[in-house]
N, C-alpha and C. Protein backbone atom coordinates (compact mmCIF):
# COMPACT_ATOMS: atom_id res chain seq x y z
N VAL A 1 -29.61 34.84 94.35
CA VAL A 1 -29.24 33.93 95.00
C VAL A 1 -30.36 33.13 95.58
N GLN A 2 -30.71 32.31 95.32
CA GLN A 2 -32.24 31.37 95.72
C GLN A 2 -31.83 29.88 95.66
N LEU A 3 -31.87 29.45 97.20
CA LEU A 3 -32.47 27.41 97.74
C LEU A 3 -33.95 27.62 97.45
N VAL A 4 -33.91 26.48 97.11
CA VAL A 4 -35.48 26.94 97.42
C VAL A 4 -36.01 24.81 97.42
N GLU A 5 -36.73 24.62 98.25
CA GLU A 5 -36.42 23.11 99.36
C GLU A 5 -37.96 23.03 98.90
N SER A 6 -38.28 21.98 98.74
CA SER A 6 -39.67 21.25 98.12
C SER A 6 -39.32 19.87 98.28
N GLY A 7 -40.88 19.52 98.28
CA GLY A 7 -41.24 17.84 98.11
C GLY A 7 -41.30 17.46 100.18
N GLY A 8 -41.85 18.83 100.59
CA GLY A 8 -42.05 17.61 102.37
C GLY A 8 -43.71 17.98 102.12
N GLY A 9 -43.73 17.63 103.33
CA GLY A 9 -45.58 16.53 103.39
C GLY A 9 -45.94 15.77 104.95
N LEU A 10 -46.39 15.45 104.80
CA LEU A 10 -47.10 14.82 105.68
C LEU A 10 -47.19 12.84 105.53
N VAL A 11 -46.57 12.02 106.39
CA VAL A 11 -45.85 10.64 106.04
C VAL A 11 -46.40 10.39 107.10
N GLN A 12 -46.57 8.62 106.63
CA GLN A 12 -46.64 7.98 108.61
C GLN A 12 -45.19 7.10 108.85
N THR A 13 -45.03 6.95 110.37
CA THR A 13 -44.68 6.13 110.32
C THR A 13 -44.05 5.31 109.80
N GLY A 14 -42.60 5.47 109.46
CA GLY A 14 -41.87 3.68 108.32
C GLY A 14 -41.98 4.42 106.99
N GLY A 15 -42.73 5.86 106.80
CA GLY A 15 -42.68 5.86 105.37
C GLY A 15 -41.62 6.96 104.93
N SER A 16 -41.61 7.35 103.70
CA SER A 16 -40.44 7.70 102.90
C SER A 16 -41.03 9.09 102.05
N LEU A 17 -39.80 9.75 101.70
CA LEU A 17 -40.20 11.08 101.37
C LEU A 17 -39.24 11.68 100.77
N LYS A 18 -38.98 12.52 99.38
CA LYS A 18 -38.12 12.69 99.08
C LYS A 18 -38.34 14.41 98.93
N ILE A 19 -36.37 14.97 99.54
CA ILE A 19 -37.34 16.36 99.45
C ILE A 19 -35.52 16.88 98.60
N SER A 20 -36.12 18.33 97.99
CA SER A 20 -34.85 19.26 96.79
C SER A 20 -34.77 20.00 97.39
N CYS A 21 -33.51 20.42 96.72
CA CYS A 21 -32.99 22.00 97.11
C CYS A 21 -32.75 21.72 96.04
N ALA A 22 -33.19 23.30 95.41
CA ALA A 22 -32.77 23.87 93.82
C ALA A 22 -31.92 25.28 93.81
N ALA A 23 -30.86 24.98 93.27
CA ALA A 23 -30.18 26.58 93.73
C ALA A 23 -30.07 27.59 92.15
N SER A 24 -30.47 28.45 92.35
CA SER A 24 -29.85 29.81 91.58
C SER A 24 -29.11 30.88 91.51
N GLY A 25 -28.45 31.26 91.02
CA GLY A 25 -27.82 33.11 91.31
C GLY A 25 -26.43 32.36 91.25
N PHE A 26 -25.83 31.22 91.44
CA PHE A 26 -24.27 30.82 91.83
C PHE A 26 -23.99 29.84 91.52
N THR A 27 -22.42 29.93 91.34
CA THR A 27 -22.26 28.41 90.53
C THR A 27 -21.85 27.51 91.12
N PHE A 28 -23.19 26.77 91.69
CA PHE A 28 -23.71 25.31 92.11
C PHE A 28 -22.23 24.22 92.44
N ASP A 29 -21.64 24.07 91.20
CA ASP A 29 -20.81 23.44 91.61
C ASP A 29 -19.58 23.26 91.92
N ASP A 30 -19.56 25.38 92.56
CA ASP A 30 -18.68 25.34 93.69
C ASP A 30 -18.63 25.40 94.82
N TYR A 31 -20.30 25.17 95.02
CA TYR A 31 -20.57 24.98 96.63
C TYR A 31 -20.81 23.71 97.03
N ALA A 32 -20.60 23.15 98.50
CA ALA A 32 -20.94 22.39 99.58
C ALA A 32 -22.10 22.56 99.32
N ILE A 33 -23.00 21.53 99.63
CA ILE A 33 -24.04 21.77 100.36
C ILE A 33 -25.23 20.78 101.41
N GLY A 34 -25.49 21.13 101.86
CA GLY A 34 -26.01 20.48 103.67
C GLY A 34 -27.67 20.51 103.33
N TRP A 35 -28.10 19.85 104.70
CA TRP A 35 -28.94 19.98 104.49
C TRP A 35 -29.26 19.65 106.53
N PHE A 36 -30.50 20.84 107.47
CA PHE A 36 -30.19 21.10 107.76
C PHE A 36 -31.58 21.09 108.82
N ARG A 37 -32.04 20.88 109.83
CA ARG A 37 -33.32 20.55 110.46
C ARG A 37 -33.35 20.77 111.69
N GLN A 38 -34.82 21.60 112.13
CA GLN A 38 -35.11 22.05 113.33
C GLN A 38 -36.38 21.75 113.47
N ALA A 39 -36.56 21.03 115.00
CA ALA A 39 -38.07 21.14 115.21
C ALA A 39 -38.25 21.89 116.24
N PRO A 40 -39.31 22.21 116.93
CA PRO A 40 -40.13 23.46 117.84
C PRO A 40 -39.11 22.80 118.74
N GLY A 41 -38.40 23.87 119.47
CA GLY A 41 -38.11 23.78 120.68
C GLY A 41 -36.62 23.39 120.38
N LYS A 42 -36.24 22.79 119.98
CA LYS A 42 -35.05 22.28 119.88
C LYS A 42 -34.10 23.39 118.64
N GLU A 43 -32.68 22.70 119.12
CA GLU A 43 -31.63 23.26 117.98
C GLU A 43 -31.41 23.15 116.71
N ARG A 44 -31.25 23.64 116.56
CA ARG A 44 -31.02 23.15 114.56
C ARG A 44 -29.73 21.99 114.19
N GLU A 45 -29.97 21.42 113.50
CA GLU A 45 -29.20 19.77 113.67
C GLU A 45 -28.62 19.48 112.44
N GLY A 46 -27.54 19.42 111.95
CA GLY A 46 -26.70 18.97 110.49
C GLY A 46 -27.26 17.61 110.63
N VAL A 47 -27.92 17.12 109.28
CA VAL A 47 -28.36 16.38 108.95
C VAL A 47 -27.71 15.19 108.06
N SER A 48 -27.10 16.01 106.68
CA SER A 48 -26.23 15.48 105.65
C SER A 48 -25.82 16.12 105.35
N CYS A 49 -24.32 16.35 104.91
CA CYS A 49 -23.72 17.46 104.15
C CYS A 49 -23.17 16.80 102.76
N ILE A 50 -22.64 17.52 102.04
CA ILE A 50 -22.31 17.22 100.18
C ILE A 50 -21.73 17.77 99.84
N SER A 51 -20.07 17.40 99.18
CA SER A 51 -19.29 18.14 99.08
C SER A 51 -19.42 19.09 97.44
N LYS A 52 -18.64 19.67 97.06
CA LYS A 52 -19.02 20.04 95.38
C LYS A 52 -18.37 19.03 94.70
N ILE A 53 -17.77 18.41 94.75
CA ILE A 53 -17.38 16.98 94.28
C ILE A 53 -18.52 15.95 94.78
N GLY A 54 -19.08 15.62 95.22
CA GLY A 54 -19.86 14.80 95.67
C GLY A 54 -19.27 13.70 96.82
N GLY A 55 -18.73 12.83 96.42
CA GLY A 55 -17.67 11.75 97.34
C GLY A 55 -18.54 11.19 98.49
N THR A 56 -17.68 11.10 99.55
CA THR A 56 -18.33 11.18 100.70
C THR A 56 -19.11 11.64 101.61
N PRO A 57 -20.41 11.71 101.38
CA PRO A 57 -20.85 12.64 102.41
C PRO A 57 -20.96 12.04 103.79
N TYR A 58 -21.42 13.44 104.42
CA TYR A 58 -21.41 12.57 106.17
C TYR A 58 -23.07 12.56 106.70
N TYR A 59 -23.59 12.09 107.35
CA TYR A 59 -24.39 11.77 107.54
C TYR A 59 -24.68 11.73 109.09
N ALA A 60 -25.56 12.68 110.24
CA ALA A 60 -25.62 12.46 111.21
C ALA A 60 -26.23 11.31 111.79
N ASP A 61 -26.04 10.58 112.55
CA ASP A 61 -25.59 9.61 112.93
C ASP A 61 -27.36 8.64 113.33
N SER A 62 -28.56 9.93 113.92
CA SER A 62 -29.38 9.86 113.83
C SER A 62 -30.67 9.38 112.81
N VAL A 63 -29.51 9.77 111.21
CA VAL A 63 -30.07 9.29 110.05
C VAL A 63 -29.33 8.57 109.09
N LYS A 64 -28.31 8.31 110.17
CA LYS A 64 -27.47 6.54 108.72
C LYS A 64 -28.24 6.30 109.12
N GLY A 65 -28.28 5.17 107.40
CA GLY A 65 -28.45 4.53 107.02
C GLY A 65 -30.37 4.52 106.91
N ARG A 66 -30.77 5.59 107.04
CA ARG A 66 -32.48 5.50 106.42
C ARG A 66 -32.28 7.39 105.50
N PHE A 67 -31.16 7.71 105.76
CA PHE A 67 -30.99 9.05 104.86
C PHE A 67 -30.26 8.62 103.35
N THR A 68 -30.48 9.77 102.38
CA THR A 68 -29.30 9.74 101.46
C THR A 68 -29.00 10.99 100.83
N ILE A 69 -28.35 11.61 100.71
CA ILE A 69 -28.25 12.69 99.53
C ILE A 69 -27.07 12.78 98.53
N PHE A 70 -28.18 13.27 97.41
CA PHE A 70 -27.03 12.57 95.98
C PHE A 70 -27.83 14.58 95.06
N ARG A 71 -26.50 14.67 94.79
CA ARG A 71 -26.26 16.08 93.71
C ARG A 71 -26.68 16.02 92.49
N ASP A 72 -26.60 16.40 91.88
CA ASP A 72 -26.88 16.48 90.54
C ASP A 72 -26.78 17.87 90.00
N ASN A 73 -25.88 18.18 89.65
CA ASN A 73 -24.67 19.16 88.98
C ASN A 73 -25.59 19.42 88.03
N ALA A 74 -25.72 19.10 86.65
CA ALA A 74 -26.47 19.18 85.77
C ALA A 74 -27.98 20.21 86.43
N ARG A 75 -28.71 19.81 87.35
CA ARG A 75 -30.24 20.37 87.35
C ARG A 75 -29.76 21.49 88.65
N ASN A 76 -28.53 21.73 88.84
CA ASN A 76 -28.42 22.69 90.12
C ASN A 76 -29.52 21.94 91.16
N THR A 77 -29.26 20.93 91.48
CA THR A 77 -30.51 20.13 92.12
C THR A 77 -29.66 19.31 93.35
N VAL A 78 -30.01 19.40 95.40
CA VAL A 78 -29.70 18.59 95.89
C VAL A 78 -30.78 17.79 96.17
N TYR A 79 -30.71 16.77 96.88
CA TYR A 79 -31.78 15.77 96.59
C TYR A 79 -31.40 15.21 98.41
N LEU A 80 -33.05 14.72 99.13
CA LEU A 80 -32.30 14.45 100.65
C LEU A 80 -33.50 13.21 100.58
N SER A 81 -33.39 11.92 100.19
CA SER A 81 -33.87 10.92 100.07
C SER A 81 -34.45 10.09 101.15
N MET A 82 -35.62 10.01 101.96
CA MET A 82 -35.71 9.63 103.53
C MET A 82 -36.49 8.38 103.78
N ASN A 83 -36.05 7.05 103.91
CA ASN A 83 -36.46 6.13 104.63
C ASN A 83 -37.12 6.01 105.27
N ASN A 84 -37.69 5.19 106.27
CA ASN A 84 -38.51 4.57 107.38
C ASN A 84 -38.01 5.91 108.36
N LEU A 85 -38.83 6.63 108.06
CA LEU A 85 -39.32 8.22 109.24
C LEU A 85 -39.52 7.72 110.33
N LYS A 86 -39.40 8.20 111.28
CA LYS A 86 -40.04 8.30 112.50
C LYS A 86 -40.68 9.39 112.77
N PRO A 87 -41.48 9.69 114.02
CA PRO A 87 -41.59 10.94 114.29
C PRO A 87 -40.20 12.34 114.93
N GLU A 88 -39.69 11.28 115.40
CA GLU A 88 -38.33 12.73 116.03
C GLU A 88 -37.67 13.06 114.83
N ASP A 89 -38.19 12.52 113.40
CA ASP A 89 -37.79 13.30 111.75
C ASP A 89 -38.49 14.23 112.29
N THR A 90 -39.63 14.83 112.96
CA THR A 90 -40.28 16.20 112.15
C THR A 90 -39.89 17.18 112.54
N ALA A 91 -39.59 17.73 111.79
CA ALA A 91 -39.16 19.38 111.58
C ALA A 91 -39.03 19.64 110.50
N VAL A 92 -38.73 21.45 110.77
CA VAL A 92 -38.50 22.09 108.79
C VAL A 92 -36.94 21.69 108.64
N TYR A 93 -37.40 21.50 107.84
CA TYR A 93 -35.50 20.98 106.76
C TYR A 93 -35.44 21.99 105.66
N TYR A 94 -34.01 22.45 106.01
CA TYR A 94 -33.24 23.94 105.30
C TYR A 94 -32.36 23.69 104.80
N CYS A 95 -31.52 23.30 103.41
CA CYS A 95 -30.59 23.46 102.35
C CYS A 95 -29.93 24.67 102.56
N ALA A 96 -28.70 24.41 102.79
CA ALA A 96 -27.73 25.55 102.77
C ALA A 96 -26.65 25.64 102.43
N ALA A 97 -25.73 26.71 101.33
CA ALA A 97 -24.38 26.03 100.09
C ALA A 97 -23.55 27.09 101.01
N ASP A 98 -22.58 26.47 100.04
CA ASP A 98 -20.99 27.17 101.32
C ASP A 98 -19.70 26.79 100.12
N PHE A 99 -19.07 27.99 99.99
CA PHE A 99 -17.86 27.52 99.22
C PHE A 99 -16.89 26.97 100.41
N PHE A 100 -17.16 25.72 101.28
CA PHE A 100 -16.59 25.44 102.00
C PHE A 100 -15.01 25.25 101.79
N PRO A 101 -14.39 25.29 102.62
CA PRO A 101 -12.89 24.73 102.37
C PRO A 101 -12.42 23.93 102.60
N ALA A 102 -12.89 22.92 102.19
CA ALA A 102 -12.47 21.31 102.16
C ALA A 102 -11.57 20.91 101.74
N GLY A 103 -10.58 21.58 101.55
CA GLY A 103 -9.02 21.44 101.51
C GLY A 103 -8.00 21.98 102.90
N LEU A 104 -8.83 22.21 103.87
CA LEU A 104 -8.32 22.05 104.98
C LEU A 104 -8.54 21.06 105.97
N PHE A 105 -9.06 20.23 105.15
CA PHE A 105 -9.15 18.56 106.31
C PHE A 105 -8.65 17.24 104.99
N GLU A 106 -8.51 16.40 105.58
CA GLU A 106 -7.45 15.55 105.37
C GLU A 106 -9.01 14.89 104.49
N THR A 107 -9.99 14.30 104.83
CA THR A 107 -10.75 13.98 103.93
C THR A 107 -12.00 14.53 103.76
N THR A 108 -12.53 13.81 102.92
CA THR A 108 -14.27 15.17 102.62
C THR A 108 -15.18 14.92 103.18
N GLU A 109 -15.07 13.39 103.69
CA GLU A 109 -16.24 13.31 104.52
C GLU A 109 -16.17 14.30 106.01
N GLN A 110 -14.99 14.64 106.08
CA GLN A 110 -14.24 15.16 107.29
C GLN A 110 -14.45 16.64 107.61
N ALA A 111 -14.22 17.05 106.62
CA ALA A 111 -14.85 18.32 106.01
C ALA A 111 -16.08 18.51 106.35
N MET A 112 -16.80 17.48 105.75
CA MET A 112 -18.73 17.96 105.60
C MET A 112 -18.79 18.27 107.21
N SER A 113 -18.49 16.44 107.53
CA SER A 113 -19.02 16.55 109.13
C SER A 113 -18.27 18.16 109.67
N GLU A 114 -18.02 18.86 109.43
CA GLU A 114 -17.55 19.92 110.14
C GLU A 114 -18.90 21.28 109.75
N MET A 115 -19.01 20.68 108.63
CA MET A 115 -19.92 22.07 107.82
C MET A 115 -20.91 21.07 108.48
N CYS A 116 -21.80 20.23 108.36
CA CYS A 116 -22.87 19.96 108.99
C CYS A 116 -22.95 20.15 111.06
N ASP A 117 -21.97 19.99 111.19
CA ASP A 117 -21.76 20.29 113.15
C ASP A 117 -21.34 21.75 113.37
N ALA A 118 -21.12 22.25 112.19
CA ALA A 118 -20.92 23.25 112.82
C ALA A 118 -21.35 25.17 111.95
N PRO A 119 -22.27 24.93 111.40
CA PRO A 119 -22.67 26.09 110.41
C PRO A 119 -22.47 27.62 111.13
N SER A 120 -22.98 27.36 111.68
CA SER A 120 -22.67 29.00 112.44
C SER A 120 -21.26 29.40 112.23
N THR A 121 -20.66 28.29 112.90
CA THR A 121 -18.82 28.60 113.29
C THR A 121 -18.48 29.16 111.80
N TYR A 122 -19.28 28.29 110.47
CA TYR A 122 -17.98 28.70 108.81
C TYR A 122 -19.46 29.28 108.05
N ASP A 123 -20.49 30.27 109.26
CA ASP A 123 -21.66 31.51 108.57
C ASP A 123 -21.56 30.73 107.24
N LEU A 124 -22.27 29.86 107.02
CA LEU A 124 -22.30 29.31 105.75
C LEU A 124 -23.14 30.35 104.78
N ASP A 125 -22.74 30.03 103.78
CA ASP A 125 -23.28 31.84 102.46
C ASP A 125 -24.58 31.50 101.79
N TYR A 126 -25.39 30.91 101.98
CA TYR A 126 -26.42 31.13 101.07
C TYR A 126 -27.94 29.84 102.15
N TRP A 127 -29.26 30.11 102.67
CA TRP A 127 -30.07 29.35 102.75
C TRP A 127 -31.28 29.46 102.71
N GLY A 128 -32.19 28.44 102.28
CA GLY A 128 -33.48 28.39 101.70
C GLY A 128 -34.26 29.03 103.10
N GLN A 129 -35.71 28.70 102.63
CA GLN A 129 -36.92 28.90 103.34
C GLN A 129 -37.26 27.66 104.20
N GLY A 130 -37.04 26.86 103.88
CA GLY A 130 -37.45 25.61 104.48
C GLY A 130 -38.63 24.75 104.22
N THR A 131 -38.66 23.43 104.33
CA THR A 131 -39.93 23.08 103.85
C THR A 131 -40.55 21.76 105.13
N GLN A 132 -41.10 21.99 104.85
CA GLN A 132 -42.42 21.04 106.54
C GLN A 132 -42.14 19.53 106.15
N VAL A 133 -41.49 18.46 107.31
CA VAL A 133 -41.72 17.35 107.39
C VAL A 133 -42.35 16.95 108.69
N THR A 134 -43.55 16.32 108.49
CA THR A 134 -44.14 15.83 109.73
C THR A 134 -44.38 13.84 109.16
N VAL A 135 -44.20 13.57 110.23
CA VAL A 135 -44.18 12.26 110.11
C VAL A 135 -45.06 11.88 111.41
N SER A 136 -46.14 11.27 110.94
CA SER A 136 -46.81 10.88 112.47
C SER A 136 -46.94 9.58 113.01
N SER A 137 -46.89 9.13 113.83
CA SER A 137 -47.44 8.02 114.47
C SER A 137 -48.16 7.67 114.73
């Protein structure tokens, strides 16, 4: 099983980046995917999560309106498009995959909010190694 993040780099404030998470070794279509980030000295934060069927993703308030998550099941890849980047977006970005019990929740968005807000609670199945995103001021 592998999740490989790519596309990180250095960008100026207001710039854009698109990072990718390529999956292999498991049935990608059956898994929800989330993007998480961790800045030095800070706790890990759930950025955006998308269910196995797509639907309405969850976005953290800090990125809503600037970031877009989308998945391409034909390529076993999930992307995070990041616009209007800010210095506070600087972090290592990780993707994670989980056979998430979305059916326990009323809506897909609620399920993905739970996955993003409490990844430790659900002990997400697979994690990538991360890609560094640095936004200069």
